[in-house]
């Protein structure tokens, strides 16, 4: 890879460089997972609702979340090699549901004196 050169893309296509684009959702790509939790809790703090069947489901060209009383986080974990950006394209037809985006990451900065890297958290 030390002798990379630019080449022309085929007609009708383009290069993402070192980027990744997810626009086909026939199955859940590697690195993605779901975490379902209930916003409802019983009188002793125990869940009154089980969320075992709640998740994000691939539907071809989009993902669909559950339609129950649980909240489901879509998580993408990846080791980044360089700075970049994250963009979302979404459709949100129900104003009565909670819907939020969070992007969080961990940066590692090594000390100059040879010690192990120290994690610096950024949100």
PDB file of N, CA and C in Angstrom:
ATOM      1  N   UNK A   1       0.802  -1.207   0.000  1.00  0.00           N
ATOM      2  CA  UNK A   1       0.000   0.000   0.000  1.00  0.00           C
ATOM      3  C   UNK A   1       0.839   1.264   0.000  1.00  0.00           C
ATOM      4  N   UNK A   2       2.134   1.143   0.025  1.00  0.00           N
ATOM      5  CA  UNK A   2       2.972   2.343   0.082  1.00  0.00           C
ATOM      6  C   UNK A   2       3.019   3.078  -1.249  1.00  0.00           C
ATOM      7  N   UNK A   3       2.623   2.429  -2.342  1.00  0.00           N
ATOM      8  CA  UNK A   3       2.669   3.069  -3.663  1.00  0.00           C
ATOM      9  C   UNK A   3       1.260   3.292  -4.203  1.00  0.00           C
ATOM     10  N   UNK A   4       0.392   3.870  -3.382  1.00  0.00           N
ATOM     11  CA  UNK A   4      -0.973   4.126  -3.835  1.00  0.00           C
ATOM     12  C   UNK A   4      -0.974   5.206  -4.889  1.00  0.00           C
ATOM     13  N   UNK A   5      -1.827   5.018  -5.891  1.00  0.00           N
ATOM     14  CA  UNK A   5      -1.993   6.015  -6.941  1.00  0.00           C
ATOM     15  C   UNK A   5      -3.470   6.189  -7.229  1.00  0.00           C
ATOM     16  N   UNK A   6      -3.844   7.381  -7.610  1.00  0.00           N
ATOM     17  CA  UNK A   6      -5.225   7.631  -7.989  1.00  0.00           C
ATOM     18  C   UNK A   6      -5.488   7.027  -9.360  1.00  0.00           C
ATOM     19  N   UNK A   7      -6.663   6.437  -9.515  1.00  0.00           N
ATOM     20  CA  UNK A   7      -7.095   5.912 -10.807  1.00  0.00           C
ATOM     21  C   UNK A   7      -8.520   6.376 -11.044  1.00  0.00           C
ATOM     22  N   UNK A   8      -8.911   6.410 -12.302  1.00  0.00           N
ATOM     23  CA  UNK A   8     -10.266   6.825 -12.632  1.00  0.00           C
ATOM     24  C   UNK A   8     -11.253   5.744 -12.225  1.00  0.00           C
ATOM     25  N   UNK A   9     -12.395   6.190 -11.707  1.00  0.00           N
ATOM     26  CA  UNK A   9     -13.471   5.267 -11.350  1.00  0.00           C
ATOM     27  C   UNK A   9     -14.262   4.914 -12.596  1.00  0.00           C
ATOM     28  N   UNK A  10     -14.939   3.785 -12.544  1.00  0.00           N
ATOM     29  CA  UNK A  10     -15.807   3.389 -13.648  1.00  0.00           C
ATOM     30  C   UNK A  10     -16.931   4.405 -13.790  1.00  0.00           C
ATOM     31  N   UNK A  11     -17.445   4.544 -14.986  1.00  0.00           N
ATOM     32  CA  UNK A  11     -18.535   5.482 -15.258  1.00  0.00           C
ATOM     33  C   UNK A  11     -19.705   5.198 -14.324  1.00  0.00           C
ATOM     34  N   UNK A  12     -20.278   6.249 -13.742  1.00  0.00           N
ATOM     35  CA  UNK A  12     -21.422   6.104 -12.851  1.00  0.00           C
ATOM     36  C   UNK A  12     -21.063   5.709 -11.443  1.00  0.00           C
ATOM     37  N   UNK A  13     -19.791   5.683 -11.086  1.00  0.00           N
ATOM     38  CA  UNK A  13     -19.375   5.323  -9.739  1.00  0.00           C
ATOM     39  C   UNK A  13     -18.437   6.390  -9.180  1.00  0.00           C
ATOM     40  N   UNK A  14     -18.103   6.265  -7.921  1.00  0.00           N
ATOM     41  CA  UNK A  14     -17.176   7.195  -7.287  1.00  0.00           C
ATOM     42  C   UNK A  14     -16.450   6.474  -6.162  1.00  0.00           C
ATOM     43  N   UNK A  15     -15.402   7.087  -5.668  1.00  0.00           N
ATOM     44  CA  UNK A  15     -14.596   6.485  -4.617  1.00  0.00           C
ATOM     45  C   UNK A  15     -14.898   7.157  -3.282  1.00  0.00           C
ATOM     46  N   UNK A  16     -14.983   6.370  -2.234  1.00  0.00           N
ATOM     47  CA  UNK A  16     -15.116   6.910  -0.881  1.00  0.00           C
ATOM     48  C   UNK A  16     -13.753   7.099  -0.225  1.00  0.00           C
ATOM     49  N   UNK A  17     -12.707   6.810  -0.968  1.00  0.00           N
ATOM     50  CA  UNK A  17     -11.377   6.870  -0.366  1.00  0.00           C
ATOM     51  C   UNK A  17     -11.279   5.814   0.703  1.00  0.00           C
ATOM     52  N   UNK A  18     -10.971   6.225   1.927  1.00  0.00           N
ATOM     53  CA  UNK A  18     -10.909   5.259   3.025  1.00  0.00           C
ATOM     54  C   UNK A  18     -12.221   5.208   3.806  1.00  0.00           C
ATOM     55  N   UNK A  19     -13.274   5.835   3.274  1.00  0.00           N
ATOM     56  CA  UNK A  19     -14.562   5.879   3.962  1.00  0.00           C
ATOM     57  C   UNK A  19     -15.389   4.622   3.766  1.00  0.00           C
ATOM     58  N   UNK A  20     -16.461   4.539   4.545  1.00  0.00           N
ATOM     59  CA  UNK A  20     -17.403   3.427   4.470  1.00  0.00           C
ATOM     60  C   UNK A  20     -18.801   4.009   4.399  1.00  0.00           C
ATOM     61  N   UNK A  21     -19.617   3.472   3.521  1.00  0.00           N
ATOM     62  CA  UNK A  21     -21.012   3.906   3.399  1.00  0.00           C
ATOM     63  C   UNK A  21     -21.901   2.687   3.553  1.00  0.00           C
ATOM     64  N   UNK A  22     -22.918   2.806   4.387  1.00  0.00           N
ATOM     65  CA  UNK A  22     -23.881   1.731   4.572  1.00  0.00           C
ATOM     66  C   UNK A  22     -25.203   2.179   3.964  1.00  0.00           C
ATOM     67  N   UNK A  23     -25.558   1.633   2.817  1.00  0.00           N
ATOM     68  CA  UNK A  23     -26.830   1.986   2.192  1.00  0.00           C
ATOM     69  C   UNK A  23     -27.605   0.769   1.698  1.00  0.00           C
ATOM     70  N   UNK A  24     -27.088  -0.409   1.931  1.00  0.00           N
ATOM     71  CA  UNK A  24     -27.799  -1.652   1.649  1.00  0.00           C
ATOM     72  C   UNK A  24     -27.903  -2.432   2.950  1.00  0.00           C
ATOM     73  N   UNK A  25     -29.110  -2.763   3.331  1.00  0.00           N
ATOM     74  CA  UNK A  25     -29.358  -3.390   4.617  1.00  0.00           C
ATOM     75  C   UNK A  25     -30.081  -4.724   4.434  1.00  0.00           C
ATOM     76  N   UNK A  26     -29.486  -5.627   3.656  1.00  0.00           N
ATOM     77  CA  UNK A  26     -30.045  -6.967   3.510  1.00  0.00           C
ATOM     78  C   UNK A  26     -29.757  -7.791   4.759  1.00  0.00           C
ATOM     79  N   UNK A  27     -28.666  -7.480   5.424  1.00  0.00           N
ATOM     80  CA  UNK A  27     -28.311  -8.093   6.705  1.00  0.00           C
ATOM     81  C   UNK A  27     -27.571  -7.025   7.506  1.00  0.00           C
ATOM     82  N   UNK A  28     -27.420  -7.268   8.788  1.00  0.00           N
ATOM     83  CA  UNK A  28     -26.729  -6.298   9.637  1.00  0.00           C
ATOM     84  C   UNK A  28     -25.229  -6.418   9.394  1.00  0.00           C
ATOM     85  N   UNK A  29     -24.570  -5.336   8.949  1.00  0.00           N
ATOM     86  CA  UNK A  29     -23.129  -5.395   8.683  1.00  0.00           C
ATOM     87  C   UNK A  29     -22.315  -5.638   9.949  1.00  0.00           C
ATOM     88  N   UNK A  30     -21.127  -6.155   9.781  1.00  0.00           N
ATOM     89  CA  UNK A  30     -20.211  -6.378  10.903  1.00  0.00           C
ATOM     90  C   UNK A  30     -19.979  -5.063  11.634  1.00  0.00           C
ATOM     91  N   UNK A  31     -19.902  -5.120  12.943  1.00  0.00           N
ATOM     92  CA  UNK A  31     -19.667  -3.932  13.754  1.00  0.00           C
ATOM     93  C   UNK A  31     -20.941  -3.328  14.324  1.00  0.00           C
ATOM     94  N   UNK A  32     -22.112  -3.673  13.773  1.00  0.00           N
ATOM     95  CA  UNK A  32     -23.383  -3.138  14.259  1.00  0.00           C
ATOM     96  C   UNK A  32     -24.010  -4.089  15.270  1.00  0.00           C
ATOM     97  N   UNK A  33     -24.662  -3.527  16.274  1.00  0.00           N
ATOM     98  CA  UNK A  33     -25.419  -4.316  17.234  1.00  0.00           C
ATOM     99  C   UNK A  33     -26.571  -3.466  17.762  1.00  0.00           C
ATOM    100  N   UNK A  34     -27.507  -4.100  18.437  1.00  0.00           N
ATOM    101  CA  UNK A  34     -28.655  -3.423  19.044  1.00  0.00           C
ATOM    102  C   UNK A  34     -28.631  -3.645  20.546  1.00  0.00           C
ATOM    103  N   UNK A  35     -29.104  -2.671  21.288  1.00  0.00           N
ATOM    104  CA  UNK A  35     -29.246  -2.791  22.728  1.00  0.00           C
ATOM    105  C   UNK A  35     -30.642  -2.295  23.079  1.00  0.00           C
ATOM    106  N   UNK A  36     -31.505  -3.184  23.562  1.00  0.00           N
ATOM    107  CA  UNK A  36     -32.888  -2.843  23.888  1.00  0.00           C
ATOM    108  C   UNK A  36     -33.059  -2.688  25.391  1.00  0.00           C
ATOM    109  N   UNK A  37     -33.765  -1.636  25.789  1.00  0.00           N
ATOM    110  CA  UNK A  37     -34.070  -1.400  27.190  1.00  0.00           C
ATOM    111  C   UNK A  37     -35.492  -0.886  27.313  1.00  0.00           C
ATOM    112  N   UNK A  38     -36.054  -1.044  28.495  1.00  0.00           N
ATOM    113  CA  UNK A  38     -37.411  -0.578  28.751  1.00  0.00           C
ATOM    114  C   UNK A  38     -37.366   0.746  29.494  1.00  0.00           C
ATOM    115  N   UNK A  39     -38.200   1.676  29.096  1.00  0.00           N
ATOM    116  CA  UNK A  39     -38.322   2.929  29.828  1.00  0.00           C
ATOM    117  C   UNK A  39     -39.316   2.788  30.969  1.00  0.00           C
ATOM    118  N   UNK A  40     -40.060   1.698  30.970  1.00  0.00           N
ATOM    119  CA  UNK A  40     -41.031   1.390  32.018  1.00  0.00           C
ATOM    120  C   UNK A  40     -40.335   0.552  33.088  1.00  0.00           C
ATOM    121  N   UNK A  41     -40.605   0.817  34.347  1.00  0.00           N
ATOM    122  CA  UNK A  41     -40.063  -0.049  35.389  1.00  0.00           C
ATOM    123  C   UNK A  41     -41.138  -0.297  36.435  1.00  0.00           C
ATOM    124  N   UNK A  42     -41.049  -1.450  37.065  1.00  0.00           N
ATOM    125  CA  UNK A  42     -42.014  -1.853  38.075  1.00  0.00           C
ATOM    126  C   UNK A  42     -41.798  -1.107  39.378  1.00  0.00           C
ATOM    127  N   UNK A  43     -42.643  -1.385  40.396  1.00  0.00           N
ATOM    128  CA  UNK A  43     -42.558  -0.658  41.665  1.00  0.00           C
ATOM    129  C   UNK A  43     -41.261  -0.892  42.426  1.00  0.00           C
ATOM    130  N   UNK A  44     -40.592  -2.015  42.218  1.00  0.00           N
ATOM    131  CA  UNK A  44     -39.324  -2.280  42.906  1.00  0.00           C
ATOM    132  C   UNK A  44     -38.125  -2.001  42.002  1.00  0.00           C
ATOM    133  N   UNK A  45     -38.348  -1.294  40.875  1.00  0.00           N
ATOM    134  CA  UNK A  45     -37.267  -0.989  39.960  1.00  0.00           C
ATOM    135  C   UNK A  45     -37.033  -2.069  38.928  1.00  0.00           C
ATOM    136  N   UNK A  46     -37.785  -3.186  39.028  1.00  0.00           N
ATOM    137  CA  UNK A  46     -37.612  -4.246  38.034  1.00  0.00           C
ATOM    138  C   UNK A  46     -38.393  -3.897  36.776  1.00  0.00           C
ATOM    139  N   UNK A  47     -37.946  -4.413  35.657  1.00  0.00           N
ATOM    140  CA  UNK A  47     -38.610  -4.128  34.391  1.00  0.00           C
ATOM    141  C   UNK A  47     -40.000  -4.734  34.364  1.00  0.00           C
ATOM    142  N   UNK A  48     -40.984  -3.916  34.041  1.00  0.00           N
ATOM    143  CA  UNK A  48     -42.321  -4.425  33.856  1.00  0.00           C
ATOM    144  C   UNK A  48     -42.502  -4.961  32.447  1.00  0.00           C
ATOM    145  N   UNK A  49     -41.571  -4.654  31.558  1.00  0.00           N
ATOM    146  CA  UNK A  49     -41.642  -5.042  30.153  1.00  0.00           C
ATOM    147  C   UNK A  49     -40.335  -5.726  29.773  1.00  0.00           C
ATOM    148  N   UNK A  50     -40.424  -6.842  29.071  1.00  0.00           N
ATOM    149  CA  UNK A  50     -39.203  -7.457  28.559  1.00  0.00           C
ATOM    150  C   UNK A  50     -38.994  -6.985  27.123  1.00  0.00           C
ATOM    151  N   UNK A  51     -37.764  -6.738  26.776  1.00  0.00           N
ATOM    152  CA  UNK A  51     -37.426  -6.195  25.459  1.00  0.00           C
ATOM    153  C   UNK A  51     -36.584  -7.167  24.642  1.00  0.00           C
ATOM    154  N   UNK A  52     -36.712  -8.449  24.926  1.00  0.00           N
ATOM    155  CA  UNK A  52     -35.881  -9.450  24.268  1.00  0.00           C
ATOM    156  C   UNK A  52     -36.058  -9.495  22.753  1.00  0.00           C
ATOM    157  N   UNK A  53     -37.250  -9.177  22.242  1.00  0.00           N
ATOM    158  CA  UNK A  53     -37.473  -9.270  20.797  1.00  0.00           C
ATOM    159  C   UNK A  53     -37.359  -7.917  20.104  1.00  0.00           C
ATOM    160  N   UNK A  54     -36.978  -6.876  20.836  1.00  0.00           N
ATOM    161  CA  UNK A  54     -36.834  -5.543  20.252  1.00  0.00           C
ATOM    162  C   UNK A  54     -35.438  -5.369  19.683  1.00  0.00           C
ATOM    163  N   UNK A  55     -35.353  -4.887  18.451  1.00  0.00           N
ATOM    164  CA  UNK A  55     -34.052  -4.674  17.812  1.00  0.00           C
ATOM    165  C   UNK A  55     -34.222  -3.824  16.557  1.00  0.00           C
ATOM    166  N   UNK A  56     -33.119  -3.518  15.914  1.00  0.00           N
ATOM    167  CA  UNK A  56     -33.115  -2.906  14.594  1.00  0.00           C
ATOM    168  C   UNK A  56     -33.074  -4.041  13.574  1.00  0.00           C
ATOM    169  N   UNK A  57     -33.914  -3.949  12.547  1.00  0.00           N
ATOM    170  CA  UNK A  57     -34.055  -5.034  11.578  1.00  0.00           C
ATOM    171  C   UNK A  57     -33.734  -4.517  10.179  1.00  0.00           C
ATOM    172  N   UNK A  58     -32.809  -5.173   9.461  1.00  0.00           N
ATOM    173  CA  UNK A  58     -32.511  -4.779   8.075  1.00  0.00           C
ATOM    174  C   UNK A  58     -33.723  -4.999   7.172  1.00  0.00           C
ATOM    175  N   UNK A  59     -34.030  -3.998   6.331  1.00  0.00           N
ATOM    176  CA  UNK A  59     -35.182  -4.071   5.428  1.00  0.00           C
ATOM    177  C   UNK A  59     -34.784  -3.753   3.984  1.00  0.00           C
ATOM    178  N   UNK A  60     -33.613  -4.177   3.561  1.00  0.00           N
ATOM    179  CA  UNK A  60     -33.185  -3.930   2.179  1.00  0.00           C
ATOM    180  C   UNK A  60     -32.396  -2.649   2.048  1.00  0.00           C
ATOM    181  N   UNK A  61     -33.099  -1.516   1.870  1.00  0.00           N
ATOM    182  CA  UNK A  61     -32.386  -0.245   1.720  1.00  0.00           C
ATOM    183  C   UNK A  61     -32.546   0.665   2.945  1.00  0.00           C
ATOM    184  N   UNK A  62     -33.029   0.107   4.056  1.00  0.00           N
ATOM    185  CA  UNK A  62     -33.120   0.862   5.298  1.00  0.00           C
ATOM    186  C   UNK A  62     -33.180  -0.096   6.485  1.00  0.00           C
ATOM    187  N   UNK A  63     -33.030   0.464   7.687  1.00  0.00           N
ATOM    188  CA  UNK A  63     -33.201  -0.281   8.935  1.00  0.00           C
ATOM    189  C   UNK A  63     -34.504   0.165   9.579  1.00  0.00           C
ATOM    190  N   UNK A  64     -35.168  -0.760  10.231  1.00  0.00           N
ATOM    191  CA  UNK A  64     -36.405  -0.440  10.928  1.00  0.00           C
ATOM    192  C   UNK A  64     -36.264  -0.861  12.381  1.00  0.00           C
ATOM    193  N   UNK A  65     -36.709   0.016  13.291  1.00  0.00           N
ATOM    194  CA  UNK A  65     -36.630  -0.335  14.707  1.00  0.00           C
ATOM    195  C   UNK A  65     -37.936  -0.970  15.156  1.00  0.00           C
ATOM    196  N   UNK A  66     -37.924  -1.398  16.403  1.00  0.00           N
ATOM    197  CA  UNK A  66     -39.096  -2.042  16.982  1.00  0.00           C
ATOM    198  C   UNK A  66     -40.303  -1.101  17.020  1.00  0.00           C
ATOM    199  N   UNK A  67     -41.475  -1.689  17.186  1.00  0.00           N
ATOM    200  CA  UNK A  67     -42.709  -0.896  17.294  1.00  0.00           C
ATOM    201  C   UNK A  67     -43.410  -1.196  18.612  1.00  0.00           C
ATOM    202  N   UNK A  68     -42.630  -1.319  19.667  1.00  0.00           N
ATOM    203  CA  UNK A  68     -43.198  -1.595  20.980  1.00  0.00           C
ATOM    204  C   UNK A  68     -42.773  -0.503  21.954  1.00  0.00           C
ATOM    205  N   UNK A  69     -42.961  -0.743  23.256  1.00  0.00           N
ATOM    206  CA  UNK A  69     -42.662   0.272  24.263  1.00  0.00           C
ATOM    207  C   UNK A  69     -41.202   0.294  24.704  1.00  0.00           C
ATOM    208  N   UNK A  70     -40.356  -0.458  24.049  1.00  0.00           N
ATOM    209  CA  UNK A  70     -38.935  -0.486  24.384  1.00  0.00           C
ATOM    210  C   UNK A  70     -38.162   0.533  23.547  1.00  0.00           C
ATOM    211  N   UNK A  71     -37.027   0.935  24.059  1.00  0.00           N
ATOM    212  CA  UNK A  71     -36.133   1.797  23.294  1.00  0.00           C
ATOM    213  C   UNK A  71     -34.947   0.950  22.842  1.00  0.00           C
ATOM    214  N   UNK A  72     -34.529   1.136  21.590  1.00  0.00           N
ATOM    215  CA  UNK A  72     -33.464   0.307  21.041  1.00  0.00           C
ATOM    216  C   UNK A  72     -32.361   1.196  20.484  1.00  0.00           C
ATOM    217  N   UNK A  73     -31.161   1.000  20.985  1.00  0.00           N
ATOM    218  CA  UNK A  73     -29.994   1.732  20.493  1.00  0.00           C
ATOM    219  C   UNK A  73     -29.353   0.941  19.368  1.00  0.00           C
ATOM    220  N   UNK A  74     -28.985   1.634  18.302  1.00  0.00           N
ATOM    221  CA  UNK A  74     -28.204   1.042  17.223  1.00  0.00           C
ATOM    222  C   UNK A  74     -26.766   1.449  17.477  1.00  0.00           C
ATOM    223  N   UNK A  75     -25.897   0.466  17.629  1.00  0.00           N
ATOM    224  CA  UNK A  75     -24.511   0.712  18.003  1.00  0.00           C
ATOM    225  C   UNK A  75     -23.596   0.258  16.873  1.00  0.00           C
ATOM    226  N   UNK A  76     -22.665   1.125  16.497  1.00  0.00           N
ATOM    227  CA  UNK A  76     -21.654   0.769  15.503  1.00  0.00           C
ATOM    228  C   UNK A  76     -20.294   0.975  16.147  1.00  0.00           C
ATOM    229  N   UNK A  77     -19.553  -0.092  16.302  1.00  0.00           N
ATOM    230  CA  UNK A  77     -18.231  -0.035  16.921  1.00  0.00           C
ATOM    231  C   UNK A  77     -17.176  -0.268  15.855  1.00  0.00           C
ATOM    232  N   UNK A  78     -16.193   0.621  15.807  1.00  0.00           N
ATOM    233  CA  UNK A  78     -15.162   0.531  14.789  1.00  0.00           C
ATOM    234  C   UNK A  78     -13.873   1.160  15.311  1.00  0.00           C
ATOM    235  N   UNK A  79     -12.750   0.668  14.847  1.00  0.00           N
ATOM    236  CA  UNK A  79     -11.456   1.276  15.145  1.00  0.00           C
ATOM    237  C   UNK A  79     -11.135   2.238  14.006  1.00  0.00           C
ATOM    238  N   UNK A  80     -11.101   3.530  14.317  1.00  0.00           N
ATOM    239  CA  UNK A  80     -10.841   4.541  13.302  1.00  0.00           C
ATOM    240  C   UNK A  80      -9.344   4.735  13.113  1.00  0.00           C
ATOM    241  N   UNK A  81      -8.949   4.925  11.866  1.00  0.00           N
ATOM    242  CA  UNK A  81      -7.537   5.099  11.544  1.00  0.00           C
ATOM    243  C   UNK A  81      -7.146   6.560  11.400  1.00  0.00           C
ATOM    244  N   UNK A  82      -8.128   7.422  11.081  1.00  0.00           N
ATOM    245  CA  UNK A  82      -7.827   8.841  10.916  1.00  0.00           C
ATOM    246  C   UNK A  82      -9.089   9.645  11.138  1.00  0.00           C
ATOM    247  N   UNK A  83      -8.946  10.968  11.185  1.00  0.00           N
ATOM    248  CA  UNK A  83     -10.092  11.849  11.389  1.00  0.00           C
ATOM    249  C   UNK A  83     -11.067  11.710  10.229  1.00  0.00           C
ATOM    250  N   UNK A  84     -12.324  11.972  10.521  1.00  0.00           N
ATOM    251  CA  UNK A  84     -13.345  11.901   9.487  1.00  0.00           C
ATOM    252  C   UNK A  84     -14.638  12.516   9.985  1.00  0.00           C
ATOM    253  N   UNK A  85     -15.726  12.107   9.386  1.00  0.00           N
ATOM    254  CA  UNK A  85     -17.024  12.634   9.777  1.00  0.00           C
ATOM    255  C   UNK A  85     -18.060  11.518   9.750  1.00  0.00           C
ATOM    256  N   UNK A  86     -19.179  11.779  10.419  1.00  0.00           N
ATOM    257  CA  UNK A  86     -20.296  10.847  10.451  1.00  0.00           C
ATOM    258  C   UNK A  86     -21.525  11.613  10.010  1.00  0.00           C
ATOM    259  N   UNK A  87     -22.270  11.066   9.064  1.00  0.00           N
ATOM    260  CA  UNK A  87     -23.526  11.675   8.637  1.00  0.00           C
ATOM    261  C   UNK A  87     -24.628  10.625   8.686  1.00  0.00           C
ATOM    262  N   UNK A  88     -25.848  11.076   8.898  1.00  0.00           N
ATOM    263  CA  UNK A  88     -27.004  10.204   8.963  1.00  0.00           C
ATOM    264  C   UNK A  88     -28.048  10.673   7.970  1.00  0.00           C
ATOM    265  N   UNK A  89     -28.718   9.735   7.356  1.00  0.00           N
ATOM    266  CA  UNK A  89     -29.912  10.033   6.579  1.00  0.00           C
ATOM    267  C   UNK A  89     -31.012   9.202   7.212  1.00  0.00           C
ATOM    268  N   UNK A  90     -32.088   9.840   7.620  1.00  0.00           N
ATOM    269  CA  UNK A  90     -33.120   9.117   8.348  1.00  0.00           C
ATOM    270  C   UNK A  90     -34.512   9.628   7.995  1.00  0.00           C
ATOM    271  N   UNK A  91     -35.494   8.788   8.278  1.00  0.00           N
ATOM    272  CA  UNK A  91     -36.901   9.123   8.105  1.00  0.00           C
ATOM    273  C   UNK A  91     -37.555   8.894   9.454  1.00  0.00           C
ATOM    274  N   UNK A  92     -38.278   9.853   9.943  1.00  0.00           N
ATOM    275  CA  UNK A  92     -38.847   9.811  11.278  1.00  0.00           C
ATOM    276  C   UNK A  92     -40.318  10.210  11.220  1.00  0.00           C
ATOM    277  N   UNK A  93     -41.206   9.246  10.910  1.00  0.00           N
ATOM    278  CA  UNK A  93     -42.601   9.596  10.660  1.00  0.00           C
ATOM    279  C   UNK A  93     -43.482   9.780  11.895  1.00  0.00           C
ATOM    280  N   UNK A  94     -43.047   9.389  13.103  1.00  0.00           N
ATOM    281  CA  UNK A  94     -43.912   9.432  14.286  1.00  0.00           C
ATOM    282  C   UNK A  94     -43.351  10.388  15.326  1.00  0.00           C
ATOM    283  N   UNK A  95     -43.990  11.536  15.495  1.00  0.00           N
ATOM    284  CA  UNK A  95     -43.514  12.533  16.450  1.00  0.00           C
ATOM    285  C   UNK A  95     -43.780  12.152  17.901  1.00  0.00           C
ATOM    286  N   UNK A  96     -44.515  11.072  18.140  1.00  0.00           N
ATOM    287  CA  UNK A  96     -44.813  10.641  19.499  1.00  0.00           C
ATOM    288  C   UNK A  96     -43.752   9.709  20.071  1.00  0.00           C
ATOM    289  N   UNK A  97     -42.734   9.392  19.298  1.00  0.00           N
ATOM    290  CA  UNK A  97     -41.678   8.494  19.751  1.00  0.00           C
ATOM    291  C   UNK A  97     -40.406   9.268  20.033  1.00  0.00           C
ATOM    292  N   UNK A  98     -39.624   8.749  20.977  1.00  0.00           N
ATOM    293  CA  UNK A  98     -38.324   9.334  21.296  1.00  0.00           C
ATOM    294  C   UNK A  98     -37.307   8.900  20.255  1.00  0.00           C
ATOM    295  N   UNK A  99     -36.582   9.854  19.699  1.00  0.00           N
ATOM    296  CA  UNK A  99     -35.610   9.548  18.654  1.00  0.00           C
ATOM    297  C   UNK A  99     -34.441  10.504  18.808  1.00  0.00           C
ATOM    298  N   UNK A 100     -33.236   9.967  19.019  1.00  0.00           N
ATOM    299  CA  UNK A 100     -32.051  10.798  19.213  1.00  0.00           C
ATOM    300  C   UNK A 100     -30.851  10.176  18.530  1.00  0.00           C
ATOM    301  N   UNK A 101     -29.863  11.016  18.199  1.00  0.00           N
ATOM    302  CA  UNK A 101     -28.580  10.561  17.680  1.00  0.00           C
ATOM    303  C   UNK A 101     -27.507  10.874  18.712  1.00  0.00           C
ATOM    304  N   UNK A 102     -26.628   9.923  18.929  1.00  0.00           N
ATOM    305  CA  UNK A 102     -25.446  10.142  19.757  1.00  0.00           C
ATOM    306  C   UNK A 102     -24.258   9.567  19.010  1.00  0.00           C
ATOM    307  N   UNK A 103     -23.191  10.307  18.955  1.00  0.00           N
ATOM    308  CA  UNK A 103     -21.939   9.798  18.410  1.00  0.00           C
ATOM    309  C   UNK A 103     -20.919   9.955  19.519  1.00  0.00           C
ATOM    310  N   UNK A 104     -20.307   8.852  19.916  1.00  0.00           N
ATOM    311  CA  UNK A 104     -19.271   8.922  20.943  1.00  0.00           C
ATOM    312  C   UNK A 104     -18.067   8.140  20.459  1.00  0.00           C
ATOM    313  N   UNK A 105     -16.926   8.530  20.949  1.00  0.00           N
ATOM    314  CA  UNK A 105     -15.703   7.865  20.520  1.00  0.00           C
ATOM    315  C   UNK A 105     -14.640   8.016  21.596  1.00  0.00           C
ATOM    316  N   UNK A 106     -13.640   7.172  21.496  1.00  0.00           N
ATOM    317  CA  UNK A 106     -12.502   7.222  22.414  1.00  0.00           C
ATOM    318  C   UNK A 106     -11.249   7.489  21.583  1.00  0.00           C
ATOM    319  N   UNK A 107     -10.473   8.458  22.002  1.00  0.00           N
ATOM    320  CA  UNK A 107      -9.204   8.766  21.342  1.00  0.00           C
ATOM    321  C   UNK A 107      -8.070   8.305  22.241  1.00  0.00           C
ATOM    322  N   UNK A 108      -7.011   7.794  21.670  1.00  0.00           N
ATOM    323  CA  UNK A 108      -5.842   7.394  22.459  1.00  0.00           C
ATOM    324  C   UNK A 108      -4.653   8.259  22.071  1.00  0.00           C
ATOM    325  N   UNK A 109      -4.088   8.942  23.052  1.00  0.00           N
ATOM    326  CA  UNK A 109      -2.925   9.793  22.833  1.00  0.00           C
ATOM    327  C   UNK A 109      -1.747   9.218  23.612  1.00  0.00           C
ATOM    328  N   UNK A 110      -0.712   8.765  22.957  1.00  0.00           N
ATOM    329  CA  UNK A 110       0.441   8.222  23.699  1.00  0.00           C
ATOM    330  C   UNK A 110       1.264   9.339  24.337  1.00  0.00           C
ATOM    331  N   UNK A 111       1.804   9.029  25.513  1.00  0.00           N
ATOM    332  CA  UNK A 111       2.741   9.955  26.137  1.00  0.00           C
ATOM    333  C   UNK A 111       4.035   9.958  25.336  1.00  0.00           C
ATOM    334  N   UNK A 112       4.751  11.052  25.384  1.00  0.00           N
ATOM    335  CA  UNK A 112       6.020  11.141  24.658  1.00  0.00           C
ATOM    336  C   UNK A 112       7.165  10.481  25.421  1.00  0.00           C
ATOM    337  N   UNK A 113       6.950  10.145  26.719  1.00  0.00           N
ATOM    338  CA  UNK A 113       8.032   9.553  27.498  1.00  0.00           C
ATOM    339  C   UNK A 113       8.018   8.026  27.435  1.00  0.00           C
ATOM    340  N   UNK A 114       7.232   7.424  26.531  1.00  0.00           N
ATOM    341  CA  UNK A 114       7.234   5.980  26.350  1.00  0.00           C
ATOM    342  C   UNK A 114       6.220   5.217  27.180  1.00  0.00           C
ATOM    343  N   UNK A 115       5.414   5.902  27.990  1.00  0.00           N
ATOM    344  CA  UNK A 115       4.400   5.210  28.782  1.00  0.00           C
ATOM    345  C   UNK A 115       3.266   4.728  27.877  1.00  0.00           C
ATOM    346  N   UNK A 116       2.397   3.890  28.433  1.00  0.00           N
ATOM    347  CA  UNK A 116       1.253   3.394  27.675  1.00  0.00           C
ATOM    348  C   UNK A 116       0.306   4.529  27.301  1.00  0.00           C
ATOM    349  N   UNK A 117      -0.431   4.364  26.182  1.00  0.00           N
ATOM    350  CA  UNK A 117      -1.409   5.405  25.809  1.00  0.00           C
ATOM    351  C   UNK A 117      -2.481   5.588  26.883  1.00  0.00           C
ATOM    352  N   UNK A 118      -2.954   6.795  27.037  1.00  0.00           N
ATOM    353  CA  UNK A 118      -4.000   7.113  27.989  1.00  0.00           C
ATOM    354  C   UNK A 118      -5.255   7.458  27.212  1.00  0.00           C
ATOM    355  N   UNK A 119      -6.395   6.832  27.550  1.00  0.00           N
ATOM    356  CA  UNK A 119      -7.618   7.149  26.819  1.00  0.00           C
ATOM    357  C   UNK A 119      -8.140   8.533  27.178  1.00  0.00           C
ATOM    358  N   UNK A 120      -8.539   9.283  26.174  1.00  0.00           N
ATOM    359  CA  UNK A 120      -9.190  10.571  26.358  1.00  0.00           C
ATOM    360  C   UNK A 120     -10.577  10.420  25.747  1.00  0.00           C
ATOM    361  N   UNK A 121     -11.607  10.624  26.547  1.00  0.00           N
ATOM    362  CA  UNK A 121     -12.974  10.427  26.075  1.00  0.00           C
ATOM    363  C   UNK A 121     -13.535  11.718  25.513  1.00  0.00           C
ATOM    364  N   UNK A 122     -14.221  11.605  24.384  1.00  0.00           N
ATOM    365  CA  UNK A 122     -14.853  12.769  23.774  1.00  0.00           C
ATOM    366  C   UNK A 122     -16.261  12.375  23.361  1.00  0.00           C
ATOM    367  N   UNK A 123     -17.219  13.254  23.589  1.00  0.00           N
ATOM    368  CA  UNK A 123     -18.615  12.982  23.239  1.00  0.00           C
ATOM    369  C   UNK A 123     -19.187  14.105  22.420  1.00  0.00           C
TER     370      UNK A 123
END
